[in-house]
Amino acid sequence: MDIHLGLLASLILNVAFLIIIFGQSKKINVLREENKKLTPIEHKEELIALASEKLRTLGDIKTIKYLREEKGMSMIDAKQFVDALKK
């Protein structure tokens, strides 16, 4: 009987955590959209030229770090941008 209560409690906690994670995920997406609206839109050609120069002189990791810190990109966006530049 104690095993069943433990499993039930574990199931309830897992469901609660999934609900919390789903809620946080929605909030993150909303914040990303707001961030896109608030960040100044730089001409794509200028950003490509700047990132290409950084990629050539600094390498992948430091270019991604630069894009994240200075341009406000997410890790995934910066990585995909750098990967696209390398092709």
Protein backbone atom coordinates (compact mmCIF):
# COMPACT_ATOMS: atom_id res chain seq x y z
CA MET A 1 0.00 0.00 0.00
CA ASP A 2 2.88 2.39 0.79
CA ILE A 3 4.37 1.75 -2.65
CA HIS A 4 1.10 2.80 -4.31
CA LEU A 5 1.00 6.04 -2.30
CA GLY A 6 4.61 6.77 -3.21
CA LEU A 7 3.92 6.16 -6.89
CA LEU A 8 0.80 8.31 -6.75
CA ALA A 9 2.70 11.15 -5.05
CA SER A 10 5.46 10.86 -7.62
CA LEU A 11 2.94 10.97 -10.46
CA ILE A 12 1.25 14.05 -9.01
CA LEU A 13 4.60 15.83 -8.62
CA ASN A 14 5.62 14.97 -12.18
CA VAL A 15 2.37 16.35 -13.56
CA ALA A 16 2.78 19.52 -11.48
CA PHE A 17 6.34 20.00 -12.74
CA LEU A 18 5.23 19.49 -16.35
CA ILE A 19 2.56 22.15 -15.91
CA ILE A 20 5.14 24.55 -14.45
CA ILE A 21 7.62 23.83 -17.25
CA PHE A 22 4.95 24.37 -19.90
CA GLY A 23 3.95 27.68 -18.31
CA GLN A 24 7.56 28.86 -18.15
CA SER A 25 8.09 27.84 -21.76
CA LYS A 26 5.17 30.02 -22.85
CA LYS A 27 6.54 32.95 -20.83
CA ILE A 28 9.97 32.54 -22.43
CA ASN A 29 8.43 32.61 -25.92
CA VAL A 30 6.49 35.78 -25.08
CA LEU A 31 9.65 37.43 -23.75
CA ARG A 32 11.59 36.44 -26.88
CA GLU A 33 8.95 38.07 -29.06
CA GLU A 34 9.03 41.24 -26.95
CA ASN A 35 12.82 41.27 -27.12
CA LYS A 36 12.72 41.08 -30.91
CA LYS A 37 10.46 44.12 -30.98
CA LEU A 38 12.61 46.14 -28.57
CA THR A 39 16.05 45.43 -29.99
CA PRO A 40 17.08 47.82 -32.73
CA ILE A 41 16.90 46.19 -36.12
CA GLU A 42 20.28 46.36 -37.74
CA HIS A 43 20.60 46.01 -41.47
CA LYS A 44 21.11 42.37 -42.19
CA GLU A 45 24.03 43.07 -44.52
CA GLU A 46 25.84 45.02 -41.79
CA LEU A 47 25.28 42.24 -39.26
CA ILE A 48 26.48 39.61 -41.73
CA ALA A 49 29.62 41.63 -42.52
CA LEU A 50 30.35 42.23 -38.84
CA ALA A 51 29.77 38.61 -37.86
CA SER A 52 31.83 37.36 -40.81
CA GLU A 53 34.75 39.55 -39.71
CA LYS A 54 34.44 38.31 -36.12
CA LEU A 55 34.22 34.72 -37.35
CA ARG A 56 37.36 35.11 -39.43
CA THR A 57 39.38 36.79 -36.65
CA LEU A 58 37.97 35.27 -33.44
CA GLY A 59 36.50 31.90 -34.38
CA ASP A 60 33.13 30.27 -33.82
CA ILE A 61 32.76 30.37 -30.06
CA LYS A 62 33.83 33.97 -29.55
CA THR A 63 31.64 35.11 -32.45
CA ILE A 64 28.64 33.38 -30.88
CA LYS A 65 29.50 34.96 -27.54
CA TYR A 66 29.76 38.39 -29.22
CA LEU A 67 26.38 37.99 -30.92
CA ARG A 68 24.79 36.96 -27.64
CA GLU A 69 26.28 39.70 -25.49
CA GLU A 70 26.38 42.62 -27.92
CA LYS A 71 23.45 41.91 -30.22
CA GLY A 72 21.10 40.21 -27.75
CA MET A 73 20.70 36.98 -29.70
CA SER A 74 19.79 33.75 -28.00
CA MET A 75 22.33 30.95 -27.94
CA ILE A 76 20.42 28.99 -30.57
CA ASP A 77 19.94 31.99 -32.88
CA ALA A 78 23.61 33.00 -32.63
CA LYS A 79 24.79 29.43 -33.28
CA GLN A 80 22.49 29.03 -36.30
CA PHE A 81 23.60 32.42 -37.64
CA VAL A 82 27.28 31.49 -37.35
CA ASP A 83 26.67 28.09 -38.90
CA ALA A 84 24.90 29.74 -41.84
CA LEU A 85 27.85 32.11 -42.31
CA LYS A 86 30.30 29.20 -42.40
CA LYS A 87 28.45 27.56 -45.32
